[in-house]
Amino acid sequence: MRNNRLRTTALAATALLAALSLTACNGTEDGAKSGPSAAASDSAAQDTGKDAGKDTQGTGTDSGTDAKSPDENTASDSKSSTGSTSGQKSDTNGRNSTTGSGNKSPVTCTGSNTKVTVTKVSRPINHLLLTATNTGSAPCYAYHAPALRFDDAQAAFPVLRDSIPQAVVTLEPGQSAYASIGLSGEPDGQELHQGTHLSVYFTNKADQGSTGAPAELTLPAGTSWGDNGFVTYWQTEMDAALTY
């Protein structure tokens, strides 16, 4: 009876030990199985964190570059524009320095700063040609038409209004303006005057009289003029003056 109890107790202890051993083994296997998984998870988390950090750093670098680029481009464009402007100023100054009259302001043409000549022409008939050449150092304006007085005539010679040019004639030093004188007009049979002397006055800007000293000229031999003759406005071309 006693032996049976001891055997039963021994069997129960053996079964308990076996159960504990099995539990321990399962726990070890579960731990072995879960260990690598946890480590892998931790490793993946670290890698993810590193990748996230790299991405974040990369984004920050790109953003910094993009943020600076417009400023750098603007500065570059500004320098380039400044250089271009300076070039234009130099070029402009260069052109100004090469003009014949330099930077001198234009003045009014008068008998003092021009040389005036009168010549007889074959065509048209009964015409004289006036030529005024700028002898000064500054440009001059030949306003309107010359005012003419033959010998001791009491009135200025008539002006042909149909000959008004499109713009005021401007003479650079050495350049000339032209005006033609029709010695007699229609109708035929008018009284002609023998002329020997001609005074040429330059008209002021307002066309309200003369300005400066006149040019005193000797007329070509045999010149005759009539009261209904005319003088044209100053022209830039000789041919334009002689078309009237």
C-alpha atoms as a PDB file:
ATOM      1  CA  MET A   1       0.000   0.000   0.000  1.00  0.00           C
ATOM      2  CA  ARG A   2       2.812   2.242   0.993  1.00  0.00           C
ATOM      3  CA  ASN A   3       4.774   1.242  -2.063  1.00  0.00           C
ATOM      4  CA  ASN A   4       1.854   2.117  -4.323  1.00  0.00           C
ATOM      5  CA  ARG A   5       1.648   5.613  -2.845  1.00  0.00           C
ATOM      6  CA  LEU A   6       5.363   6.172  -3.306  1.00  0.00           C
ATOM      7  CA  ARG A   7       5.124   4.989  -6.947  1.00  0.00           C
ATOM      8  CA  THR A   8       2.161   7.264  -7.539  1.00  0.00           C
ATOM      9  CA  THR A   9       3.990  10.216  -6.020  1.00  0.00           C
ATOM     10  CA  ALA A  10       7.087   9.474  -8.084  1.00  0.00           C
ATOM     11  CA  LEU A  11       5.072   9.297 -11.271  1.00  0.00           C
ATOM     12  CA  ALA A  12       3.340  12.561 -10.414  1.00  0.00           C
ATOM     13  CA  ALA A  13       6.703  14.259  -9.788  1.00  0.00           C
ATOM     14  CA  THR A  14       8.096  12.865 -13.020  1.00  0.00           C
ATOM     15  CA  ALA A  15       5.061  14.161 -14.941  1.00  0.00           C
ATOM     16  CA  LEU A  16       5.419  17.588 -13.327  1.00  0.00           C
ATOM     17  CA  LEU A  17       9.116  17.777 -14.239  1.00  0.00           C
ATOM     18  CA  ALA A  18       8.321  16.747 -17.799  1.00  0.00           C
ATOM     19  CA  ALA A  19       5.648  19.432 -18.010  1.00  0.00           C
ATOM     20  CA  LEU A  20       8.032  22.061 -16.669  1.00  0.00           C
ATOM     21  CA  SER A  21      10.727  20.997 -19.133  1.00  0.00           C
ATOM     22  CA  LEU A  22       8.291  21.191 -22.027  1.00  0.00           C
ATOM     23  CA  THR A  23       7.132  24.633 -20.924  1.00  0.00           C
ATOM     24  CA  ALA A  24      10.726  25.816 -20.661  1.00  0.00           C
ATOM     25  CA  CYS A  25      11.526  24.497 -24.108  1.00  0.00           C
ATOM     26  CA  ASN A  26       8.489  26.191 -25.602  1.00  0.00           C
ATOM     27  CA  GLY A  27       9.399  29.415 -23.880  1.00  0.00           C
ATOM     28  CA  THR A  28      12.951  29.189 -25.238  1.00  0.00           C
ATOM     29  CA  GLU A  29      11.700  28.498 -28.762  1.00  0.00           C
ATOM     30  CA  ASP A  30       9.182  31.300 -28.551  1.00  0.00           C
ATOM     31  CA  GLY A  31      11.898  33.571 -27.258  1.00  0.00           C
ATOM     32  CA  ALA A  32      14.258  32.468 -30.029  1.00  0.00           C
ATOM     33  CA  LYS A  33      11.557  33.021 -32.583  1.00  0.00           C
ATOM     34  CA  SER A  34      10.502  36.399 -31.205  1.00  0.00           C
ATOM     35  CA  GLY A  35      14.045  37.629 -30.592  1.00  0.00           C
ATOM     36  CA  PRO A  36      15.180  37.971 -34.215  1.00  0.00           C
ATOM     37  CA  SER A  37      11.812  39.425 -35.179  1.00  0.00           C
ATOM     38  CA  ALA A  38      12.125  42.125 -32.544  1.00  0.00           C
ATOM     39  CA  ALA A  39      15.721  42.798 -33.524  1.00  0.00           C
ATOM     40  CA  ALA A  40      14.689  43.023 -37.152  1.00  0.00           C
ATOM     41  CA  SER A  41      11.917  45.393 -36.233  1.00  0.00           C
ATOM     42  CA  ASP A  42      14.329  47.514 -34.241  1.00  0.00           C
ATOM     43  CA  SER A  43      16.820  47.453 -37.113  1.00  0.00           C
ATOM     44  CA  ALA A  44      14.107  48.383 -39.613  1.00  0.00           C
ATOM     45  CA  ALA A  45      12.968  51.187 -37.344  1.00  0.00           C
ATOM     46  CA  GLN A  46      16.534  52.496 -37.106  1.00  0.00           C
ATOM     47  CA  ASP A  47      16.981  52.219 -40.893  1.00  0.00           C
ATOM     48  CA  THR A  48      13.673  54.001 -41.378  1.00  0.00           C
ATOM     49  CA  GLY A  49      14.788  56.700 -39.008  1.00  0.00           C
ATOM     50  CA  LYS A  50      18.099  57.058 -40.836  1.00  0.00           C
ATOM     51  CA  ASP A  51      16.356  57.154 -44.194  1.00  0.00           C
ATOM     52  CA  ALA A  52      13.919  59.688 -42.856  1.00  0.00           C
ATOM     53  CA  GLY A  53      16.817  61.731 -41.543  1.00  0.00           C
ATOM     54  CA  LYS A  54      18.599  61.514 -44.897  1.00  0.00           C
ATOM     55  CA  ASP A  55      15.450  62.503 -46.722  1.00  0.00           C
ATOM     56  CA  THR A  56      14.952  65.366 -44.346  1.00  0.00           C
ATOM     57  CA  GLN A  57      18.553  66.509 -44.773  1.00  0.00           C
ATOM     58  CA  GLY A  58      18.255  66.132 -48.533  1.00  0.00           C
ATOM     59  CA  THR A  59      15.107  68.203 -48.601  1.00  0.00           C
ATOM     60  CA  GLY A  60      16.752  70.853 -46.484  1.00  0.00           C
ATOM     61  CA  THR A  61      19.759  71.032 -48.827  1.00  0.00           C
ATOM     62  CA  ASP A  62      17.591  71.256 -51.920  1.00  0.00           C
ATOM     63  CA  SER A  63      15.430  73.901 -50.337  1.00  0.00           C
ATOM     64  CA  GLY A  64      18.483  75.911 -49.385  1.00  0.00           C
ATOM     65  CA  THR A  65      19.840  75.739 -52.906  1.00  0.00           C
ATOM     66  CA  ASP A  66      16.538  76.729 -54.444  1.00  0.00           C
ATOM     67  CA  ALA A  67      16.151  79.579 -51.994  1.00  0.00           C
ATOM     68  CA  LYS A  68      19.573  80.995 -52.874  1.00  0.00           C
ATOM     69  CA  SER A  69      19.368  80.548 -56.618  1.00  0.00           C
ATOM     70  CA  PRO A  70      16.877  83.370 -57.309  1.00  0.00           C
ATOM     71  CA  ASP A  71      18.979  85.799 -55.242  1.00  0.00           C
ATOM     72  CA  GLU A  72      22.155  84.767 -57.009  1.00  0.00           C
ATOM     73  CA  ASN A  73      20.466  85.026 -60.396  1.00  0.00           C
ATOM     74  CA  THR A  74      19.036  88.411 -59.499  1.00  0.00           C
ATOM     75  CA  ALA A  75      22.436  89.656 -58.401  1.00  0.00           C
ATOM     76  CA  SER A  76      23.998  88.311 -61.573  1.00  0.00           C
ATOM     77  CA  ASP A  77      21.314  89.900 -63.732  1.00  0.00           C
ATOM     78  CA  SER A  78      21.700  93.165 -61.851  1.00  0.00           C
ATOM     79  CA  LYS A  79      25.439  93.210 -62.440  1.00  0.00           C
ATOM     80  CA  SER A  80      24.912  92.306 -66.059  1.00  0.00           C
ATOM     81  CA  SER A  81      22.348  95.078 -66.477  1.00  0.00           C
ATOM     82  CA  THR A  82      24.674  97.584 -64.822  1.00  0.00           C
ATOM     83  CA  GLY A  83      27.460  96.603 -67.147  1.00  0.00           C
ATOM     84  CA  SER A  84      25.187  96.940 -70.153  1.00  0.00           C
ATOM     85  CA  THR A  85      24.012 100.378 -69.042  1.00  0.00           C
ATOM     86  CA  SER A  86      27.563 101.548 -68.571  1.00  0.00           C
ATOM     87  CA  GLY A  87      28.355 100.318 -72.044  1.00  0.00           C
ATOM     88  CA  GLN A  88      25.456 102.271 -73.468  1.00  0.00           C
ATOM     89  CA  LYS A  89      26.582 105.439 -71.687  1.00  0.00           C
ATOM     90  CA  SER A  90      30.088 105.051 -73.009  1.00  0.00           C
ATOM     91  CA  ASP A  91      28.751 104.443 -76.485  1.00  0.00           C
ATOM     92  CA  THR A  92      26.514 107.509 -76.250  1.00  0.00           C
ATOM     93  CA  ASN A  93      29.391 109.661 -75.024  1.00  0.00           C
ATOM     94  CA  GLY A  94      31.505 108.308 -77.826  1.00  0.00           C
ATOM     95  CA  ARG A  95      28.958 109.301 -80.420  1.00  0.00           C
ATOM     96  CA  ASN A  96      28.581 112.780 -78.884  1.00  0.00           C
ATOM     97  CA  SER A  97      32.307 113.299 -78.928  1.00  0.00           C
ATOM     98  CA  THR A  98      32.513 112.493 -82.634  1.00  0.00           C
ATOM     99  CA  THR A  99      29.959 115.057 -83.815  1.00  0.00           C
ATOM    100  CA  GLY A 100      31.450 117.917 -85.762  1.00  0.00           C
ATOM    101  CA  SER A 101      30.087 120.634 -83.453  1.00  0.00           C
ATOM    102  CA  GLY A 102      30.749 118.731 -80.202  1.00  0.00           C
ATOM    103  CA  ASN A 103      28.228 119.606 -77.493  1.00  0.00           C
ATOM    104  CA  LYS A 104      27.668 123.233 -78.531  1.00  0.00           C
ATOM    105  CA  SER A 105      24.079 124.435 -78.613  1.00  0.00           C
ATOM    106  CA  PRO A 106      22.660 125.642 -81.947  1.00  0.00           C
ATOM    107  CA  VAL A 107      22.418 129.380 -82.584  1.00  0.00           C
ATOM    108  CA  THR A 108      20.590 131.485 -85.176  1.00  0.00           C
ATOM    109  CA  CYS A 109      22.314 131.933 -88.514  1.00  0.00           C
ATOM    110  CA  THR A 110      23.306 135.553 -89.191  1.00  0.00           C
ATOM    111  CA  GLY A 111      25.636 137.460 -91.474  1.00  0.00           C
ATOM    112  CA  SER A 112      28.304 137.167 -88.762  1.00  0.00           C
ATOM    113  CA  ASN A 113      28.500 133.352 -88.552  1.00  0.00           C
ATOM    114  CA  THR A 114      27.851 132.527 -92.219  1.00  0.00           C
ATOM    115  CA  LYS A 115      29.342 133.297 -95.607  1.00  0.00           C
ATOM    116  CA  VAL A 116      26.671 134.289 -98.140  1.00  0.00           C
ATOM    117  CA  THR A 117      27.197 134.312-101.898  1.00  0.00           C
ATOM    118  CA  VAL A 118      24.946 135.155-104.850  1.00  0.00           C
ATOM    119  CA  THR A 119      25.396 133.649-108.323  1.00  0.00           C
ATOM    120  CA  LYS A 120      23.544 133.756-111.592  1.00  0.00           C
ATOM    121  CA  VAL A 121      22.137 130.449-112.910  1.00  0.00           C
ATOM    122  CA  SER A 122      21.212 129.426-116.442  1.00  0.00           C
ATOM    123  CA  ARG A 123      18.127 127.456-115.352  1.00  0.00           C
ATOM    124  CA  PRO A 124      15.596 128.607-114.493  1.00  0.00           C
ATOM    125  CA  ILE A 125      16.019 131.817-116.448  1.00  0.00           C
ATOM    126  CA  ASN A 126      15.986 135.165-114.637  1.00  0.00           C
ATOM    127  CA  HIS A 127      17.066 133.483-111.383  1.00  0.00           C
ATOM    128  CA  LEU A 128      19.844 134.001-108.883  1.00  0.00           C
ATOM    129  CA  LEU A 129      21.010 131.497-106.277  1.00  0.00           C
ATOM    130  CA  LEU A 130      21.803 132.442-102.698  1.00  0.00           C
ATOM    131  CA  THR A 131      24.140 130.165-100.738  1.00  0.00           C
ATOM    132  CA  ALA A 132      24.689 130.556 -96.962  1.00  0.00           C
ATOM    133  CA  THR A 133      27.512 128.483 -95.449  1.00  0.00           C
ATOM    134  CA  ASN A 134      27.961 128.103 -91.683  1.00  0.00           C
ATOM    135  CA  THR A 135      31.430 129.432 -90.819  1.00  0.00           C
ATOM    136  CA  GLY A 136      30.951 129.247 -87.042  1.00  0.00           C
ATOM    137  CA  SER A 137      31.870 126.489 -84.567  1.00  0.00           C
ATOM    138  CA  ALA A 138      28.274 125.694 -83.542  1.00  0.00           C
ATOM    139  CA  PRO A 139      25.232 124.559 -85.553  1.00  0.00           C
ATOM    140  CA  CYS A 140      22.940 127.359 -86.673  1.00  0.00           C
ATOM    141  CA  TYR A 141      19.283 127.573 -87.688  1.00  0.00           C
ATOM    142  CA  ALA A 142      18.407 129.241 -90.988  1.00  0.00           C
ATOM    143  CA  TYR A 143      14.880 130.305 -90.106  1.00  0.00           C
ATOM    144  CA  HIS A 144      12.184 130.963 -92.706  1.00  0.00           C
ATOM    145  CA  ALA A 145      13.312 132.945 -95.803  1.00  0.00           C
ATOM    146  CA  PRO A 146      16.026 135.555 -96.208  1.00  0.00           C
ATOM    147  CA  ALA A 147      14.880 139.177 -96.230  1.00  0.00           C
ATOM    148  CA  LEU A 148      16.287 140.905 -99.322  1.00  0.00           C
ATOM    149  CA  ARG A 149      16.748 144.539-100.154  1.00  0.00           C
ATOM    150  CA  PHE A 150      17.973 145.522-103.618  1.00  0.00           C
ATOM    151  CA  ASP A 151      20.001 148.722-103.712  1.00  0.00           C
ATOM    152  CA  ASP A 152      17.898 151.540-102.220  1.00  0.00           C
ATOM    153  CA  ALA A 153      14.510 149.831-102.498  1.00  0.00           C
ATOM    154  CA  GLN A 154      11.970 150.992 -99.921  1.00  0.00           C
ATOM    155  CA  ALA A 155      10.447 147.527 -99.274  1.00  0.00           C
ATOM    156  CA  ALA A 156      11.775 144.022 -98.722  1.00  0.00           C
ATOM    157  CA  PHE A 157      11.606 141.648-101.665  1.00  0.00           C
ATOM    158  CA  PRO A 158       8.464 139.401-101.718  1.00  0.00           C
ATOM    159  CA  VAL A 159       8.740 135.902-100.181  1.00  0.00           C
ATOM    160  CA  LEU A 160       7.299 132.834-101.956  1.00  0.00           C
ATOM    161  CA  ARG A 161       5.175 131.182 -99.256  1.00  0.00           C
ATOM    162  CA  ASP A 162       4.661 128.019-101.313  1.00  0.00           C
ATOM    163  CA  SER A 163       8.324 127.130-100.767  1.00  0.00           C
ATOM    164  CA  ILE A 164       8.095 126.516 -96.992  1.00  0.00           C
ATOM    165  CA  PRO A 165      10.226 123.407 -96.131  1.00  0.00           C
ATOM    166  CA  GLN A 166       9.019 120.597 -93.886  1.00  0.00           C
ATOM    167  CA  ALA A 167      11.450 121.536 -91.103  1.00  0.00           C
ATOM    168  CA  VAL A 168      13.735 124.342 -90.066  1.00  0.00           C
ATOM    169  CA  VAL A 169      17.039 124.149 -91.937  1.00  0.00           C
ATOM    170  CA  THR A 170      19.876 123.346 -89.505  1.00  0.00           C
ATOM    171  CA  LEU A 171      23.456 123.904 -90.624  1.00  0.00           C
ATOM    172  CA  GLU A 172      26.362 122.115 -89.005  1.00  0.00           C
ATOM    173  CA  PRO A 173      29.667 123.976 -89.336  1.00  0.00           C
ATOM    174  CA  GLY A 174      30.643 123.895 -93.023  1.00  0.00           C
ATOM    175  CA  GLN A 175      27.164 123.016 -94.284  1.00  0.00           C
ATOM    176  CA  SER A 176      25.139 125.260 -96.606  1.00  0.00           C
ATOM    177  CA  ALA A 177      21.542 126.349 -97.140  1.00  0.00           C
ATOM    178  CA  TYR A 178      20.096 127.593-100.451  1.00  0.00           C
ATOM    179  CA  ALA A 179      17.430 130.038-101.609  1.00  0.00           C
ATOM    180  CA  SER A 180      16.559 131.063-105.151  1.00  0.00           C
ATOM    181  CA  ILE A 181      15.619 134.545-106.299  1.00  0.00           C
ATOM    182  CA  GLY A 182      13.132 134.932-109.120  1.00  0.00           C
ATOM    183  CA  LEU A 183      14.122 138.339-110.494  1.00  0.00           C
ATOM    184  CA  SER A 184      10.841 139.004-112.241  1.00  0.00           C
ATOM    185  CA  GLY A 185       7.444 137.407-112.216  1.00  0.00           C
ATOM    186  CA  GLU A 186       4.204 137.591-114.148  1.00  0.00           C
ATOM    187  CA  PRO A 187       2.879 139.547-115.922  1.00  0.00           C
ATOM    188  CA  ASP A 188       5.460 140.358-118.543  1.00  0.00           C
ATOM    189  CA  GLY A 189       6.048 143.976-119.387  1.00  0.00           C
ATOM    190  CA  GLN A 190       6.623 145.029-115.787  1.00  0.00           C
ATOM    191  CA  GLU A 191       9.144 147.729-115.035  1.00  0.00           C
ATOM    192  CA  LEU A 192      12.615 146.327-114.303  1.00  0.00           C
ATOM    193  CA  HIS A 193      15.289 147.927-112.147  1.00  0.00           C
ATOM    194  CA  GLN A 194      18.985 147.644-112.708  1.00  0.00           C
ATOM    195  CA  GLY A 195      20.594 146.266-109.586  1.00  0.00           C
ATOM    196  CA  THR A 196      24.177 146.427-108.323  1.00  0.00           C
ATOM    197  CA  HIS A 197      23.919 145.696-104.599  1.00  0.00           C
ATOM    198  CA  LEU A 198      21.984 143.230-102.430  1.00  0.00           C
ATOM    199  CA  SER A 199      21.561 143.173 -98.644  1.00  0.00           C
ATOM    200  CA  VAL A 200      20.652 139.736 -97.211  1.00  0.00           C
ATOM    201  CA  TYR A 201      19.114 139.677 -93.712  1.00  0.00           C
ATOM    202  CA  PHE A 202      18.452 136.516 -91.701  1.00  0.00           C
ATOM    203  CA  THR A 203      14.970 136.220 -90.238  1.00  0.00           C
ATOM    204  CA  ASN A 204      14.445 135.595 -86.522  1.00  0.00           C
ATOM    205  CA  LYS A 205      12.663 132.521 -85.162  1.00  0.00           C
ATOM    206  CA  ALA A 206       9.334 134.331 -84.753  1.00  0.00           C
ATOM    207  CA  ASP A 207       9.466 135.545 -88.369  1.00  0.00           C
ATOM    208  CA  GLN A 208       8.863 139.052 -87.059  1.00  0.00           C
ATOM    209  CA  GLY A 209      11.931 140.775 -88.453  1.00  0.00           C
ATOM    210  CA  SER A 210      15.624 140.237 -88.997  1.00  0.00           C
ATOM    211  CA  THR A 211      18.404 139.250 -86.593  1.00  0.00           C
ATOM    212  CA  GLY A 212      22.089 140.054 -86.561  1.00  0.00           C
ATOM    213  CA  ALA A 213      24.131 141.830 -89.166  1.00  0.00           C
ATOM    214  CA  PRO A 214      23.167 141.453 -92.846  1.00  0.00           C
ATOM    215  CA  ALA A 215      25.398 140.062 -95.559  1.00  0.00           C
ATOM    216  CA  GLU A 216      26.258 142.777 -98.102  1.00  0.00           C
ATOM    217  CA  LEU A 217      26.713 141.375-101.633  1.00  0.00           C
ATOM    218  CA  THR A 218      27.574 142.683-105.073  1.00  0.00           C
ATOM    219  CA  LEU A 219      25.095 141.490-107.708  1.00  0.00           C
ATOM    220  CA  PRO A 220      26.251 139.787-110.911  1.00  0.00           C
ATOM    221  CA  ALA A 221      26.692 142.243-113.759  1.00  0.00           C
ATOM    222  CA  GLY A 222      23.537 142.974-115.743  1.00  0.00           C
ATOM    223  CA  THR A 223      21.114 141.964-112.980  1.00  0.00           C
ATOM    224  CA  SER A 224      17.602 143.390-113.375  1.00  0.00           C
ATOM    225  CA  TRP A 225      14.787 142.844-110.911  1.00  0.00           C
ATOM    226  CA  GLY A 226      11.069 143.545-110.816  1.00  0.00           C
ATOM    227  CA  ASP A 227       8.726 144.432-107.990  1.00  0.00           C
ATOM    228  CA  ASN A 228       6.789 141.184-108.460  1.00  0.00           C
ATOM    229  CA  GLY A 229       9.829 138.909-108.171  1.00  0.00           C
ATOM    230  CA  PHE A 230      10.280 136.542-105.207  1.00  0.00           C
ATOM    231  CA  VAL A 231      12.749 134.769-102.936  1.00  0.00           C
ATOM    232  CA  THR A 232      12.223 131.224-101.600  1.00  0.00           C
ATOM    233  CA  TYR A 233      12.596 129.886 -98.089  1.00  0.00           C
ATOM    234  CA  TRP A 234      15.982 128.435 -97.166  1.00  0.00           C
ATOM    235  CA  GLN A 235      16.336 124.860 -98.430  1.00  0.00           C
ATOM    236  CA  THR A 236      18.795 122.100 -97.568  1.00  0.00           C
ATOM    237  CA  GLU A 237      19.366 121.191-101.241  1.00  0.00           C
ATOM    238  CA  MET A 238      20.258 123.420-104.185  1.00  0.00           C
ATOM    239  CA  ASP A 239      17.932 121.538-106.532  1.00  0.00           C
ATOM    240  CA  ALA A 240      15.017 122.071-104.140  1.00  0.00           C
ATOM    241  CA  ALA A 241      15.623 125.810-104.139  1.00  0.00           C
ATOM    242  CA  LEU A 242      15.840 126.001-107.941  1.00  0.00           C
ATOM    243  CA  THR A 243      12.538 124.202-108.559  1.00  0.00           C
ATOM    244  CA  TYR A 244      10.621 127.482-108.016  1.00  0.00           C
END
